[in-house]
Amino acid sequence: MVTCYLRYIIDPYKLKEFEHYGKLWIPLVERLGGTHHGYFLPSEGANNVALAMFTFPSLALYEAYREKSLHDQECQAAFQYAADTHCILSYERSFFRPVFA
């Protein structure tokens, strides 16, 4: 199991657009085999940092998702929405594995 953690720097004046972007991606990740854990928007503190996390059973399945997303019309539309609205200024992606008792 691998969890992708995304840390976004967003335009705080385009929070509504970023929230819409997140709502586009949640069902897309689910449809392409992942489990989405949601987007987390600024509340207190920094007003330009947002987070997202989703899990795939393996890194190989995550890589397959990435490849599929490049050819999926809905995924491409979501990417284009972010580009058109400029709601995302930058982002970083990290991967984590869980530890259970």
Protein backbone atom coordinates (compact mmCIF):
# COMPACT_ATOMS: atom_id res chain seq x y z
CA MET A 1 0.00 0.00 0.00
CA VAL A 2 1.25 3.48 -0.86
CA THR A 3 -0.28 6.84 0.00
CA CYS A 4 0.41 9.84 -2.19
CA TYR A 5 0.60 13.07 -0.20
CA LEU A 6 0.26 16.29 -2.19
CA ARG A 7 1.13 19.68 -0.74
CA TYR A 8 -0.13 22.55 -2.84
CA ILE A 9 0.72 26.22 -2.78
CA ILE A 10 -2.47 27.81 -4.01
CA ASP A 11 -3.64 31.29 -4.87
CA PRO A 12 -5.64 32.21 -1.75
CA TYR A 13 -7.87 34.42 -3.88
CA LYS A 14 -8.85 31.37 -5.93
CA LEU A 15 -9.83 29.04 -3.12
CA LYS A 16 -13.23 28.37 -4.70
CA GLU A 17 -11.55 27.33 -7.95
CA PHE A 18 -9.12 25.05 -6.12
CA GLU A 19 -11.97 23.45 -4.19
CA HIS A 20 -13.74 22.77 -7.48
CA TYR A 21 -10.51 21.23 -8.84
CA GLY A 22 -10.34 18.92 -5.82
CA LYS A 23 -13.94 17.85 -6.28
CA LEU A 24 -13.12 16.97 -9.89
CA TRP A 25 -10.24 14.69 -8.88
CA ILE A 26 -11.80 12.71 -6.03
CA PRO A 27 -14.07 10.56 -8.24
CA LEU A 28 -11.38 10.31 -10.93
CA VAL A 29 -8.86 8.76 -8.54
CA GLU A 30 -11.57 6.40 -7.28
CA ARG A 31 -12.57 5.42 -10.83
CA LEU A 32 -8.95 4.70 -11.73
CA GLY A 33 -8.37 2.35 -8.80
CA GLY A 34 -7.34 4.51 -5.85
CA THR A 35 -8.92 5.44 -2.55
CA HIS A 36 -9.09 9.21 -2.12
CA HIS A 37 -8.83 10.58 1.42
CA GLY A 38 -9.89 14.08 0.45
CA TYR A 39 -8.54 17.56 -0.05
CA PHE A 40 -7.73 19.71 2.96
CA LEU A 41 -8.16 23.44 2.47
CA PRO A 42 -6.74 26.30 4.54
CA SER A 43 -8.67 27.10 7.68
CA GLU A 44 -6.34 28.64 10.28
CA GLY A 45 -2.73 29.59 9.74
CA ALA A 46 -1.29 29.82 6.22
CA ASN A 47 -3.97 30.72 3.69
CA ASN A 48 -2.09 29.40 0.66
CA VAL A 49 -1.35 25.77 1.59
CA ALA A 50 -3.70 22.89 0.75
CA LEU A 51 -3.22 19.14 1.01
CA ALA A 52 -4.57 16.01 -0.61
CA MET A 53 -3.99 12.31 0.03
CA PHE A 54 -4.96 9.17 -1.82
CA THR A 55 -3.91 5.54 -1.60
CA PHE A 56 -3.21 2.77 -4.08
CA PRO A 57 -2.57 -0.88 -3.22
CA SER A 58 0.97 -0.59 -4.65
CA LEU A 59 3.35 1.87 -6.27
CA ALA A 60 2.96 -0.07 -9.53
CA LEU A 61 -0.81 0.52 -9.48
CA TYR A 62 -0.22 4.20 -8.74
CA GLU A 63 2.09 4.38 -11.77
CA ALA A 64 -0.61 2.68 -13.88
CA TYR A 65 -3.10 5.31 -12.65
CA ARG A 66 -0.70 8.10 -13.68
CA GLU A 67 -0.35 6.60 -17.16
CA LYS A 68 -4.13 6.16 -17.53
CA SER A 69 -4.73 9.75 -16.37
CA LEU A 70 -2.62 11.04 -19.26
CA HIS A 71 -5.09 9.52 -21.75
CA ASP A 72 -8.35 10.01 -19.85
CA GLN A 73 -10.50 12.90 -21.11
CA GLU A 74 -11.93 13.78 -17.70
CA CYS A 75 -8.48 13.81 -16.11
CA GLN A 76 -7.16 16.00 -18.89
CA ALA A 77 -10.11 18.36 -18.43
CA ALA A 78 -9.29 18.61 -14.70
CA PHE A 79 -5.63 19.38 -15.47
CA GLN A 80 -6.78 22.02 -17.96
CA TYR A 81 -9.15 23.59 -15.43
CA ALA A 82 -6.23 24.13 -13.04
CA ALA A 83 -4.13 25.58 -15.84
CA ASP A 84 -6.93 27.89 -17.00
CA THR A 85 -7.78 29.18 -13.51
CA HIS A 86 -4.18 29.38 -12.19
CA CYS A 87 -5.48 28.25 -8.80
CA ILE A 88 -2.36 26.12 -8.17
CA LEU A 89 0.95 27.96 -7.96
CA SER A 90 3.07 24.89 -7.21
CA TYR A 91 2.88 21.48 -5.61
CA GLU A 92 5.06 18.70 -4.28
CA ARG A 93 4.32 15.00 -4.19
CA SER A 94 5.56 12.51 -1.58
CA PHE A 95 4.79 8.86 -0.98
CA PHE A 96 4.26 7.12 2.34
CA ARG A 97 3.59 3.58 3.53
CA PRO A 98 1.55 2.89 6.63
CA VAL A 99 2.79 1.26 9.80
CA PHE A 100 0.20 -0.62 11.85
CA ALA A 101 0.47 -2.26 15.27
